[in-house]
Amino acid sequence: MPQSKTSPSASAQAAARSNPLARLHIVDLAVLLLAGAGLAWLVLRARATLPYSWEWSVIPQFLAYVGEDGAWHAGRIATGMAATIRLSLWAGLLALALGTCAGLMRVSKRLFWRLSGGTYVLFVRNTPPLVLIFLFSYFLSGQLINALGLDLAVNNMPPVLRPIAETLFGPLRQMPAFLTAIVTLGLIEGAYMAEIVRAGVQSVEQGQWDAAYALGLSRRQTLATVILPQAFRRMLPPLTSQFVSTVKDSAIVSVISIPELTFQAQELVSATYRSFEVWTLVLVLYLALNLPCSLASRWLELRLRRSDTSFGQGATQR
């Protein structure tokens, strides 16, 4: 049996695929060098002309400090970051639930549900988020929460539940405003997630619906067991991107005095006048929050794609 010979061009292509640096073109290197030179010039120019003395030594105390009692306490930036994490998680979960419901309403066969989901999406997506923040802050925090007696319920909470509530929602005295921020941010982000869910469901081929109906499945069973599992794989990248946007958009609730990361940074800048140091730290912290989400989404997407490929190869071999 003759042995197969690998052509030089095929060997070169394989070597280029194994070595990412070999794929760099001379134009790519020139662009990278120009970008690096421009960034270096900008930094040197700023240092030479900007009358600002950097003091990075003040940064650690914003994260943690030793109090008068000799114990370690979280700094304002650390407490703000914890509030941002809580706010983003709860608002992201609420937005996912609202977006899934509204997205399924948008593809419903009933006109009433389609109009209801479309009205919610159009209203939120065509209204400035800042206006919604102030509007919901007035009606939820100023009117509805007081009418429901949530303030009294928080004040009369049993001592056993207080540590759990503070871990999940932060200081109890700020819980009404914090819940308002969660609901408002969840409503805003849910409208965008609704369009992602709608597009994901509609991207599944009509043959999948027909095959499920042929097996005797109802529309609800078809959505739950056939359509949504396939649509989820396609919705995963944009959903992750929207969750990252939720983390970034959480900074907008600082206008209603929610002590999240951006609000605490503004307070520190007003007190210390260390604008560049504080905002650079905030930038790094937001990157530290969002980059793991993007990397985890990319890993999960590749794993799902690998499983689809292996399943297809196994089905072909059978």
C-alpha atoms as a PDB file:
ATOM      1  CA  MET A   1       0.000   0.000   0.000  1.00  0.00           C
ATOM      2  CA  PRO A   2       1.669   3.304  -1.027  1.00  0.00           C
ATOM      3  CA  GLN A   3       2.421   5.752   1.702  1.00  0.00           C
ATOM      4  CA  SER A   4       0.749   9.137   1.531  1.00  0.00           C
ATOM      5  CA  LYS A   5       3.133  12.046   1.209  1.00  0.00           C
ATOM      6  CA  THR A   6       2.450  15.420   2.689  1.00  0.00           C
ATOM      7  CA  SER A   7       3.026  18.319   0.311  1.00  0.00           C
ATOM      8  CA  PRO A   8       5.297  21.183   1.427  1.00  0.00           C
ATOM      9  CA  SER A   9       2.391  23.609   1.248  1.00  0.00           C
ATOM     10  CA  ALA A  10       0.284  21.389   3.521  1.00  0.00           C
ATOM     11  CA  SER A  11       3.172  21.129   5.999  1.00  0.00           C
ATOM     12  CA  ALA A  12       3.582  24.892   5.980  1.00  0.00           C
ATOM     13  CA  GLN A  13      -0.121  25.395   6.573  1.00  0.00           C
ATOM     14  CA  ALA A  14      -0.071  22.936   9.487  1.00  0.00           C
ATOM     15  CA  ALA A  15       2.928  24.689  11.005  1.00  0.00           C
ATOM     16  CA  ALA A  16       1.223  28.054  10.623  1.00  0.00           C
ATOM     17  CA  ARG A  17      -1.890  26.768  12.367  1.00  0.00           C
ATOM     18  CA  SER A  18       0.165  25.420  15.257  1.00  0.00           C
ATOM     19  CA  ASN A  19       2.158  28.650  15.601  1.00  0.00           C
ATOM     20  CA  PRO A  20      -0.056  31.748  15.896  1.00  0.00           C
ATOM     21  CA  LEU A  21       2.930  34.070  15.425  1.00  0.00           C
ATOM     22  CA  ALA A  22       3.581  32.552  12.000  1.00  0.00           C
ATOM     23  CA  ARG A  23       0.156  33.733  10.845  1.00  0.00           C
ATOM     24  CA  LEU A  24       1.015  37.369  11.507  1.00  0.00           C
ATOM     25  CA  HIS A  25       1.372  39.341   8.310  1.00  0.00           C
ATOM     26  CA  ILE A  26       3.851  42.159   7.883  1.00  0.00           C
ATOM     27  CA  VAL A  27       0.932  44.603   7.783  1.00  0.00           C
ATOM     28  CA  ASP A  28      -0.361  43.245  11.107  1.00  0.00           C
ATOM     29  CA  LEU A  29       3.057  43.740  12.693  1.00  0.00           C
ATOM     30  CA  ALA A  30       3.230  47.280  11.323  1.00  0.00           C
ATOM     31  CA  VAL A  31      -0.206  48.102  12.771  1.00  0.00           C
ATOM     32  CA  LEU A  32       0.784  46.665  16.168  1.00  0.00           C
ATOM     33  CA  LEU A  33       4.021  48.651  16.193  1.00  0.00           C
ATOM     34  CA  LEU A  34       2.237  51.870  15.238  1.00  0.00           C
ATOM     35  CA  ALA A  35      -0.421  51.316  17.910  1.00  0.00           C
ATOM     36  CA  GLY A  36       2.217  50.611  20.562  1.00  0.00           C
ATOM     37  CA  ALA A  37       4.265  53.647  19.521  1.00  0.00           C
ATOM     38  CA  GLY A  38       1.171  55.864  19.610  1.00  0.00           C
ATOM     39  CA  LEU A  39       0.215  54.626  23.073  1.00  0.00           C
ATOM     40  CA  ALA A  40       3.759  55.137  24.377  1.00  0.00           C
ATOM     41  CA  TRP A  41       3.853  58.668  22.940  1.00  0.00           C
ATOM     42  CA  LEU A  42       0.489  59.460  24.528  1.00  0.00           C
ATOM     43  CA  VAL A  43       1.651  58.246  27.950  1.00  0.00           C
ATOM     44  CA  LEU A  44       4.935  60.156  27.775  1.00  0.00           C
ATOM     45  CA  ARG A  45       3.186  63.282  26.553  1.00  0.00           C
ATOM     46  CA  ALA A  46       0.649  63.101  29.361  1.00  0.00           C
ATOM     47  CA  ARG A  47       3.359  62.662  31.968  1.00  0.00           C
ATOM     48  CA  ALA A  48       5.299  65.623  30.595  1.00  0.00           C
ATOM     49  CA  THR A  49       2.414  68.089  30.257  1.00  0.00           C
ATOM     50  CA  LEU A  50      -0.157  66.992  32.840  1.00  0.00           C
ATOM     51  CA  PRO A  51       0.408  68.758  36.185  1.00  0.00           C
ATOM     52  CA  TYR A  52      -0.579  65.795  38.306  1.00  0.00           C
ATOM     53  CA  SER A  53       1.375  63.889  40.926  1.00  0.00           C
ATOM     54  CA  TRP A  54       0.402  60.239  41.133  1.00  0.00           C
ATOM     55  CA  GLU A  55      -0.064  58.740  44.613  1.00  0.00           C
ATOM     56  CA  TRP A  56      -0.825  55.054  44.286  1.00  0.00           C
ATOM     57  CA  SER A  57      -0.077  54.572  47.966  1.00  0.00           C
ATOM     58  CA  VAL A  58      -3.590  55.781  48.861  1.00  0.00           C
ATOM     59  CA  ILE A  59      -5.258  52.989  46.894  1.00  0.00           C
ATOM     60  CA  PRO A  60      -4.902  50.079  49.400  1.00  0.00           C
ATOM     61  CA  GLN A  61      -6.897  51.878  52.079  1.00  0.00           C
ATOM     62  CA  PHE A  62      -9.825  52.155  49.673  1.00  0.00           C
ATOM     63  CA  LEU A  63      -9.917  48.360  49.510  1.00  0.00           C
ATOM     64  CA  ALA A  64      -9.224  47.439  53.148  1.00  0.00           C
ATOM     65  CA  TYR A  65      -7.922  49.196  56.242  1.00  0.00           C
ATOM     66  CA  VAL A  66      -7.231  48.566  59.907  1.00  0.00           C
ATOM     67  CA  GLY A  67      -9.729  50.324  62.150  1.00  0.00           C
ATOM     68  CA  GLU A  68      -9.293  51.776  65.594  1.00  0.00           C
ATOM     69  CA  ASP A  69     -10.282  48.421  67.064  1.00  0.00           C
ATOM     70  CA  GLY A  70      -7.264  46.796  65.378  1.00  0.00           C
ATOM     71  CA  ALA A  71      -9.417  44.686  63.039  1.00  0.00           C
ATOM     72  CA  TRP A  72      -9.512  44.747  59.254  1.00  0.00           C
ATOM     73  CA  HIS A  73     -12.470  46.465  57.605  1.00  0.00           C
ATOM     74  CA  ALA A  74     -13.563  46.656  53.991  1.00  0.00           C
ATOM     75  CA  GLY A  75     -12.848  49.968  52.302  1.00  0.00           C
ATOM     76  CA  ARG A  76     -15.358  51.973  50.325  1.00  0.00           C
ATOM     77  CA  ILE A  77     -14.260  50.538  46.988  1.00  0.00           C
ATOM     78  CA  ALA A  78     -14.521  46.973  48.332  1.00  0.00           C
ATOM     79  CA  THR A  79     -18.012  47.569  49.735  1.00  0.00           C
ATOM     80  CA  GLY A  80     -19.021  49.227  46.472  1.00  0.00           C
ATOM     81  CA  MET A  81     -17.763  46.276  44.472  1.00  0.00           C
ATOM     82  CA  ALA A  82     -19.709  43.881  46.708  1.00  0.00           C
ATOM     83  CA  ALA A  83     -22.851  45.961  46.122  1.00  0.00           C
ATOM     84  CA  THR A  84     -22.219  45.902  42.359  1.00  0.00           C
ATOM     85  CA  ILE A  85     -21.902  42.109  42.412  1.00  0.00           C
ATOM     86  CA  ARG A  86     -25.145  41.718  44.368  1.00  0.00           C
ATOM     87  CA  LEU A  87     -26.971  44.178  42.153  1.00  0.00           C
ATOM     88  CA  SER A  88     -25.712  42.599  38.929  1.00  0.00           C
ATOM     89  CA  LEU A  89     -26.551  39.043  40.001  1.00  0.00           C
ATOM     90  CA  TRP A  90     -30.084  39.795  41.158  1.00  0.00           C
ATOM     91  CA  ALA A  91     -30.826  42.146  38.257  1.00  0.00           C
ATOM     92  CA  GLY A  92     -29.353  39.624  35.797  1.00  0.00           C
ATOM     93  CA  LEU A  93     -31.548  36.820  37.133  1.00  0.00           C
ATOM     94  CA  LEU A  94     -34.624  39.043  37.053  1.00  0.00           C
ATOM     95  CA  ALA A  95     -33.773  40.225  33.540  1.00  0.00           C
ATOM     96  CA  LEU A  96     -33.323  36.632  32.354  1.00  0.00           C
ATOM     97  CA  ALA A  97     -36.719  35.640  33.769  1.00  0.00           C
ATOM     98  CA  LEU A  98     -38.469  38.696  32.338  1.00  0.00           C
ATOM     99  CA  GLY A  99     -36.641  38.419  29.034  1.00  0.00           C
ATOM    100  CA  THR A 100     -37.520  34.737  28.650  1.00  0.00           C
ATOM    101  CA  CYS A 101     -41.187  35.385  29.371  1.00  0.00           C
ATOM    102  CA  ALA A 102     -41.357  38.435  27.104  1.00  0.00           C
ATOM    103  CA  GLY A 103     -39.418  36.676  24.346  1.00  0.00           C
ATOM    104  CA  LEU A 104     -41.784  33.691  24.403  1.00  0.00           C
ATOM    105  CA  MET A 105     -44.727  36.092  24.412  1.00  0.00           C
ATOM    106  CA  ARG A 106     -43.306  37.682  21.270  1.00  0.00           C
ATOM    107  CA  VAL A 107     -43.458  34.347  19.407  1.00  0.00           C
ATOM    108  CA  SER A 108     -46.822  33.289  20.805  1.00  0.00           C
ATOM    109  CA  LYS A 109     -49.676  32.439  18.468  1.00  0.00           C
ATOM    110  CA  ARG A 110     -52.032  34.647  20.471  1.00  0.00           C
ATOM    111  CA  LEU A 111     -52.197  38.280  19.390  1.00  0.00           C
ATOM    112  CA  PHE A 112     -52.687  39.552  22.951  1.00  0.00           C
ATOM    113  CA  TRP A 113     -49.440  38.001  24.181  1.00  0.00           C
ATOM    114  CA  ARG A 114     -47.499  39.213  21.143  1.00  0.00           C
ATOM    115  CA  LEU A 115     -48.774  42.755  21.640  1.00  0.00           C
ATOM    116  CA  SER A 116     -48.036  42.669  25.386  1.00  0.00           C
ATOM    117  CA  GLY A 117     -44.462  41.474  24.908  1.00  0.00           C
ATOM    118  CA  GLY A 118     -43.876  43.898  22.039  1.00  0.00           C
ATOM    119  CA  THR A 119     -45.230  46.851  24.031  1.00  0.00           C
ATOM    120  CA  TYR A 120     -42.874  46.115  26.936  1.00  0.00           C
ATOM    121  CA  VAL A 121     -39.858  45.789  24.631  1.00  0.00           C
ATOM    122  CA  LEU A 122     -40.659  48.902  22.599  1.00  0.00           C
ATOM    123  CA  PHE A 123     -41.381  51.010  25.685  1.00  0.00           C
ATOM    124  CA  VAL A 124     -38.133  50.145  27.462  1.00  0.00           C
ATOM    125  CA  ARG A 125     -35.839  50.149  24.418  1.00  0.00           C
ATOM    126  CA  ASN A 126     -37.068  53.584  23.285  1.00  0.00           C
ATOM    127  CA  THR A 127     -36.841  55.269  26.688  1.00  0.00           C
ATOM    128  CA  PRO A 128     -33.576  56.615  28.184  1.00  0.00           C
ATOM    129  CA  PRO A 129     -32.445  54.394  31.079  1.00  0.00           C
ATOM    130  CA  LEU A 130     -31.768  57.438  33.241  1.00  0.00           C
ATOM    131  CA  VAL A 131     -35.395  58.539  32.913  1.00  0.00           C
ATOM    132  CA  LEU A 132     -36.575  55.049  33.869  1.00  0.00           C
ATOM    133  CA  ILE A 133     -34.251  55.043  36.868  1.00  0.00           C
ATOM    134  CA  PHE A 134     -35.756  58.279  38.237  1.00  0.00           C
ATOM    135  CA  LEU A 135     -39.311  57.244  37.336  1.00  0.00           C
ATOM    136  CA  PHE A 136     -39.141  53.848  39.024  1.00  0.00           C
ATOM    137  CA  SER A 137     -37.220  55.296  41.965  1.00  0.00           C
ATOM    138  CA  TYR A 138     -40.098  57.668  42.642  1.00  0.00           C
ATOM    139  CA  PHE A 139     -42.905  55.146  42.197  1.00  0.00           C
ATOM    140  CA  LEU A 140     -41.238  52.047  43.665  1.00  0.00           C
ATOM    141  CA  SER A 141     -39.085  53.438  46.444  1.00  0.00           C
ATOM    142  CA  GLY A 142     -41.193  56.492  47.211  1.00  0.00           C
ATOM    143  CA  GLN A 143     -44.704  55.083  46.833  1.00  0.00           C
ATOM    144  CA  LEU A 144     -45.135  51.355  46.279  1.00  0.00           C
ATOM    145  CA  ILE A 145     -42.615  50.081  48.832  1.00  0.00           C
ATOM    146  CA  ASN A 146     -44.114  52.302  51.530  1.00  0.00           C
ATOM    147  CA  ALA A 147     -47.628  51.218  50.569  1.00  0.00           C
ATOM    148  CA  LEU A 148     -46.643  47.552  50.798  1.00  0.00           C
ATOM    149  CA  GLY A 149     -45.051  48.109  54.208  1.00  0.00           C
ATOM    150  CA  LEU A 150     -41.666  46.771  53.189  1.00  0.00           C
ATOM    151  CA  ASP A 151     -39.874  49.252  55.455  1.00  0.00           C
ATOM    152  CA  LEU A 152     -41.744  47.906  58.475  1.00  0.00           C
ATOM    153  CA  ALA A 153     -41.093  44.320  57.401  1.00  0.00           C
ATOM    154  CA  VAL A 154     -37.359  45.010  57.167  1.00  0.00           C
ATOM    155  CA  ASN A 155     -37.262  46.753  60.543  1.00  0.00           C
ATOM    156  CA  ASN A 156     -39.217  43.927  62.195  1.00  0.00           C
ATOM    157  CA  MET A 157     -37.135  41.180  60.624  1.00  0.00           C
ATOM    158  CA  PRO A 158     -36.083  38.476  63.127  1.00  0.00           C
ATOM    159  CA  PRO A 159     -32.442  38.752  64.258  1.00  0.00           C
ATOM    160  CA  VAL A 160     -31.717  35.279  62.877  1.00  0.00           C
ATOM    161  CA  LEU A 161     -32.560  36.382  59.332  1.00  0.00           C
ATOM    162  CA  ARG A 162     -30.734  39.711  59.413  1.00  0.00           C
ATOM    163  CA  PRO A 163     -27.230  38.359  58.592  1.00  0.00           C
ATOM    164  CA  ILE A 164     -28.638  36.354  55.670  1.00  0.00           C
ATOM    165  CA  ALA A 165     -30.547  39.361  54.338  1.00  0.00           C
ATOM    166  CA  GLU A 166     -27.481  41.604  54.626  1.00  0.00           C
ATOM    167  CA  THR A 167     -25.362  39.039  52.792  1.00  0.00           C
ATOM    168  CA  LEU A 168     -27.856  38.840  49.935  1.00  0.00           C
ATOM    169  CA  PHE A 169     -28.983  42.475  49.727  1.00  0.00           C
ATOM    170  CA  GLY A 170     -26.514  44.546  51.708  1.00  0.00           C
ATOM    171  CA  PRO A 171     -27.285  46.800  54.688  1.00  0.00           C
ATOM    172  CA  LEU A 172     -30.908  46.571  55.763  1.00  0.00           C
ATOM    173  CA  ARG A 173     -31.356  50.339  55.938  1.00  0.00           C
ATOM    174  CA  GLN A 174     -30.641  50.497  52.198  1.00  0.00           C
ATOM    175  CA  MET A 175     -32.762  47.495  51.213  1.00  0.00           C
ATOM    176  CA  PRO A 176     -35.807  49.418  49.832  1.00  0.00           C
ATOM    177  CA  ALA A 177     -33.610  51.523  47.544  1.00  0.00           C
ATOM    178  CA  PHE A 178     -31.556  48.465  46.622  1.00  0.00           C
ATOM    179  CA  LEU A 179     -34.679  46.497  45.661  1.00  0.00           C
ATOM    180  CA  THR A 180     -35.799  49.444  43.565  1.00  0.00           C
ATOM    181  CA  ALA A 181     -32.479  49.396  41.724  1.00  0.00           C
ATOM    182  CA  ILE A 182     -32.752  45.637  41.136  1.00  0.00           C
ATOM    183  CA  VAL A 183     -36.259  45.885  39.708  1.00  0.00           C
ATOM    184  CA  THR A 184     -35.433  48.876  37.516  1.00  0.00           C
ATOM    185  CA  LEU A 185     -32.216  47.415  36.146  1.00  0.00           C
ATOM    186  CA  GLY A 186     -33.904  44.040  35.635  1.00  0.00           C
ATOM    187  CA  LEU A 187     -36.738  45.645  33.660  1.00  0.00           C
ATOM    188  CA  ILE A 188     -34.306  47.564  31.460  1.00  0.00           C
ATOM    189  CA  GLU A 189     -32.036  44.619  30.691  1.00  0.00           C
ATOM    190  CA  GLY A 190     -34.974  42.216  30.384  1.00  0.00           C
ATOM    191  CA  ALA A 191     -36.244  44.061  27.305  1.00  0.00           C
ATOM    192  CA  TYR A 192     -32.971  43.418  25.485  1.00  0.00           C
ATOM    193  CA  MET A 193     -32.852  39.806  26.622  1.00  0.00           C
ATOM    194  CA  ALA A 194     -36.401  39.378  25.316  1.00  0.00           C
ATOM    195  CA  GLU A 195     -35.207  40.156  21.798  1.00  0.00           C
ATOM    196  CA  ILE A 196     -32.348  37.673  22.193  1.00  0.00           C
ATOM    197  CA  VAL A 197     -34.778  34.947  23.276  1.00  0.00           C
ATOM    198  CA  ARG A 198     -37.191  35.790  20.459  1.00  0.00           C
ATOM    199  CA  ALA A 199     -34.432  35.667  17.844  1.00  0.00           C
ATOM    200  CA  GLY A 200     -33.066  32.424  19.303  1.00  0.00           C
ATOM    201  CA  VAL A 201     -36.442  30.679  19.188  1.00  0.00           C
ATOM    202  CA  GLN A 202     -37.186  31.904  15.675  1.00  0.00           C
ATOM    203  CA  SER A 203     -33.751  30.746  14.466  1.00  0.00           C
ATOM    204  CA  VAL A 204     -34.655  27.080  15.063  1.00  0.00           C
ATOM    205  CA  GLU A 205     -35.732  25.466  11.810  1.00  0.00           C
ATOM    206  CA  GLN A 206     -39.415  24.897  11.142  1.00  0.00           C
ATOM    207  CA  GLY A 207     -38.670  21.218  10.581  1.00  0.00           C
ATOM    208  CA  GLN A 208     -37.975  20.838  14.304  1.00  0.00           C
ATOM    209  CA  TRP A 209     -41.495  22.081  15.077  1.00  0.00           C
ATOM    210  CA  ASP A 210     -43.011  19.799  12.454  1.00  0.00           C
ATOM    211  CA  ALA A 211     -41.107  16.764  13.731  1.00  0.00           C
ATOM    212  CA  ALA A 212     -42.215  17.434  17.310  1.00  0.00           C
ATOM    213  CA  TYR A 213     -45.841  17.856  16.234  1.00  0.00           C
ATOM    214  CA  ALA A 214     -45.580  14.607  14.276  1.00  0.00           C
ATOM    215  CA  LEU A 215     -44.543  12.852  17.479  1.00  0.00           C
ATOM    216  CA  GLY A 216     -47.645  14.138  19.211  1.00  0.00           C
ATOM    217  CA  LEU A 217     -46.030  16.863  21.329  1.00  0.00           C
ATOM    218  CA  SER A 218     -47.988  19.976  22.174  1.00  0.00           C
ATOM    219  CA  ARG A 219     -46.615  23.452  21.506  1.00  0.00           C
ATOM    220  CA  ARG A 220     -45.611  23.879  25.146  1.00  0.00           C
ATOM    221  CA  GLN A 221     -43.848  20.514  25.223  1.00  0.00           C
ATOM    222  CA  THR A 222     -42.136  21.293  21.930  1.00  0.00           C
ATOM    223  CA  LEU A 223     -40.812  24.589  23.295  1.00  0.00           C
ATOM    224  CA  ALA A 224     -39.584  23.044  26.538  1.00  0.00           C
ATOM    225  CA  THR A 225     -37.984  19.871  25.199  1.00  0.00           C
ATOM    226  CA  VAL A 226     -37.051  20.568  21.575  1.00  0.00           C
ATOM    227  CA  ILE A 227     -36.835  24.262  20.675  1.00  0.00           C
ATOM    228  CA  LEU A 228     -35.435  25.972  23.786  1.00  0.00           C
ATOM    229  CA  PRO A 229     -32.495  23.530  24.275  1.00  0.00           C
ATOM    230  CA  GLN A 230     -31.401  24.202  20.691  1.00  0.00           C
ATOM    231  CA  ALA A 231     -32.071  27.920  20.919  1.00  0.00           C
ATOM    232  CA  PHE A 232     -30.082  28.190  24.153  1.00  0.00           C
ATOM    233  CA  ARG A 233     -26.885  27.197  22.376  1.00  0.00           C
ATOM    234  CA  ARG A 234     -27.410  30.017  19.901  1.00  0.00           C
ATOM    235  CA  MET A 235     -28.483  32.501  22.554  1.00  0.00           C
ATOM    236  CA  LEU A 236     -25.547  31.856  24.885  1.00  0.00           C
ATOM    237  CA  PRO A 237     -23.045  34.380  23.401  1.00  0.00           C
ATOM    238  CA  PRO A 238     -25.497  37.321  23.206  1.00  0.00           C
ATOM    239  CA  LEU A 239     -26.969  36.486  26.625  1.00  0.00           C
ATOM    240  CA  THR A 240     -23.502  36.561  28.155  1.00  0.00           C
ATOM    241  CA  SER A 241     -22.796  39.839  26.416  1.00  0.00           C
ATOM    242  CA  GLN A 242     -26.025  41.234  27.827  1.00  0.00           C
ATOM    243  CA  PHE A 243     -25.111  40.073  31.333  1.00  0.00           C
ATOM    244  CA  VAL A 244     -21.782  41.892  30.973  1.00  0.00           C
ATOM    245  CA  SER A 245     -23.798  44.948  29.932  1.00  0.00           C
ATOM    246  CA  THR A 246     -25.873  44.504  33.085  1.00  0.00           C
ATOM    247  CA  VAL A 247     -22.721  44.719  35.203  1.00  0.00           C
ATOM    248  CA  LYS A 248     -21.655  47.866  33.366  1.00  0.00           C
ATOM    249  CA  ASP A 249     -25.128  49.416  33.376  1.00  0.00           C
ATOM    250  CA  SER A 250     -25.362  48.930  37.143  1.00  0.00           C
ATOM    251  CA  ALA A 251     -23.267  52.094  37.430  1.00  0.00           C
ATOM    252  CA  ILE A 252     -26.297  54.146  36.383  1.00  0.00           C
ATOM    253  CA  VAL A 253     -28.092  53.501  39.688  1.00  0.00           C
ATOM    254  CA  SER A 254     -25.468  55.677  41.382  1.00  0.00           C
ATOM    255  CA  VAL A 255     -27.703  58.639  40.486  1.00  0.00           C
ATOM    256  CA  ILE A 256     -30.241  57.462  43.094  1.00  0.00           C
ATOM    257  CA  SER A 257     -27.505  57.080  45.740  1.00  0.00           C
ATOM    258  CA  ILE A 258     -27.122  53.296  45.597  1.00  0.00           C
ATOM    259  CA  PRO A 259     -23.664  52.737  47.161  1.00  0.00           C
ATOM    260  CA  GLU A 260     -22.291  50.567  44.357  1.00  0.00           C
ATOM    261  CA  LEU A 261     -18.817  50.815  42.856  1.00  0.00           C
ATOM    262  CA  THR A 262     -19.291  53.973  40.783  1.00  0.00           C
ATOM    263  CA  PHE A 263     -21.068  55.835  43.588  1.00  0.00           C
ATOM    264  CA  GLN A 264     -18.324  54.996  46.077  1.00  0.00           C
ATOM    265  CA  ALA A 265     -15.693  56.102  43.557  1.00  0.00           C
ATOM    266  CA  GLN A 266     -17.434  59.447  43.117  1.00  0.00           C
ATOM    267  CA  GLU A 267     -17.524  59.924  46.873  1.00  0.00           C
ATOM    268  CA  LEU A 268     -13.809  59.133  47.182  1.00  0.00           C
ATOM    269  CA  VAL A 269     -12.865  61.481  44.350  1.00  0.00           C
ATOM    270  CA  SER A 270     -14.815  64.291  46.025  1.00  0.00           C
ATOM    271  CA  ALA A 271     -13.081  63.621  49.338  1.00  0.00           C
ATOM    272  CA  THR A 272      -9.496  62.898  48.215  1.00  0.00           C
ATOM    273  CA  TYR A 273      -9.190  64.540  44.748  1.00  0.00           C
ATOM    274  CA  ARG A 274      -7.366  61.385  43.573  1.00  0.00           C
ATOM    275  CA  SER A 275      -9.363  61.179  40.343  1.00  0.00           C
ATOM    276  CA  PHE A 276      -6.940  59.250  38.149  1.00  0.00           C
ATOM    277  CA  GLU A 277      -6.013  56.688  40.776  1.00  0.00           C
ATOM    278  CA  VAL A 278      -9.597  56.014  41.867  1.00  0.00           C
ATOM    279  CA  TRP A 279     -11.053  55.727  38.364  1.00  0.00           C
ATOM    280  CA  THR A 280      -8.144  53.596  37.184  1.00  0.00           C
ATOM    281  CA  LEU A 281      -8.836  51.214  40.065  1.00  0.00           C
ATOM    282  CA  VAL A 282     -12.538  51.176  39.194  1.00  0.00           C
ATOM    283  CA  LEU A 283     -11.677  50.399  35.578  1.00  0.00           C
ATOM    284  CA  VAL A 284      -9.524  47.446  36.638  1.00  0.00           C
ATOM    285  CA  LEU A 285     -12.242  46.134  38.949  1.00  0.00           C
ATOM    286  CA  TYR A 286     -14.913  46.285  36.250  1.00  0.00           C
ATOM    287  CA  LEU A 287     -12.568  44.403  33.932  1.00  0.00           C
ATOM    288  CA  ALA A 288     -11.971  41.835  36.671  1.00  0.00           C
ATOM    289  CA  LEU A 289     -15.732  41.343  36.967  1.00  0.00           C
ATOM    290  CA  ASN A 290     -16.524  41.107  33.262  1.00  0.00           C
ATOM    291  CA  LEU A 291     -13.565  39.250  31.772  1.00  0.00           C
ATOM    292  CA  PRO A 292     -14.242  35.960  33.651  1.00  0.00           C
ATOM    293  CA  CYS A 293     -17.853  36.060  32.416  1.00  0.00           C
ATOM    294  CA  SER A 294     -16.725  36.472  28.808  1.00  0.00           C
ATOM    295  CA  LEU A 295     -14.094  33.740  29.124  1.00  0.00           C
ATOM    296  CA  ALA A 296     -16.543  31.353  30.780  1.00  0.00           C
ATOM    297  CA  SER A 297     -19.056  31.969  28.010  1.00  0.00           C
ATOM    298  CA  ARG A 298     -16.415  31.311  25.365  1.00  0.00           C
ATOM    299  CA  TRP A 299     -15.386  28.070  27.098  1.00  0.00           C
ATOM    300  CA  LEU A 300     -18.988  26.884  27.367  1.00  0.00           C
ATOM    301  CA  GLU A 301     -19.676  27.805  23.736  1.00  0.00           C
ATOM    302  CA  LEU A 302     -16.652  25.808  22.543  1.00  0.00           C
ATOM    303  CA  ARG A 303     -17.652  22.854  24.707  1.00  0.00           C
ATOM    304  CA  LEU A 304     -21.184  22.850  23.319  1.00  0.00           C
ATOM    305  CA  ARG A 305     -19.837  23.088  19.785  1.00  0.00           C
ATOM    306  CA  ARG A 306     -17.480  20.153  20.471  1.00  0.00           C
ATOM    307  CA  SER A 307     -20.336  18.071  21.832  1.00  0.00           C
ATOM    308  CA  ASP A 308     -22.441  18.856  18.761  1.00  0.00           C
ATOM    309  CA  THR A 309     -19.566  17.849  16.473  1.00  0.00           C
ATOM    310  CA  SER A 310     -18.906  14.578  18.294  1.00  0.00           C
ATOM    311  CA  PHE A 311     -22.621  13.765  18.325  1.00  0.00           C
ATOM    312  CA  GLY A 312     -22.851  14.403  14.593  1.00  0.00           C
ATOM    313  CA  GLN A 313     -19.807  12.238  13.869  1.00  0.00           C
ATOM    314  CA  GLY A 314     -21.245   9.432  15.986  1.00  0.00           C
ATOM    315  CA  ALA A 315     -24.571   9.628  14.181  1.00  0.00           C
ATOM    316  CA  THR A 316     -22.775   9.517  10.804  1.00  0.00           C
ATOM    317  CA  GLN A 317     -20.747   6.473  11.776  1.00  0.00           C
ATOM    318  CA  ARG A 318     -23.909   4.638  12.848  1.00  0.00           C
END
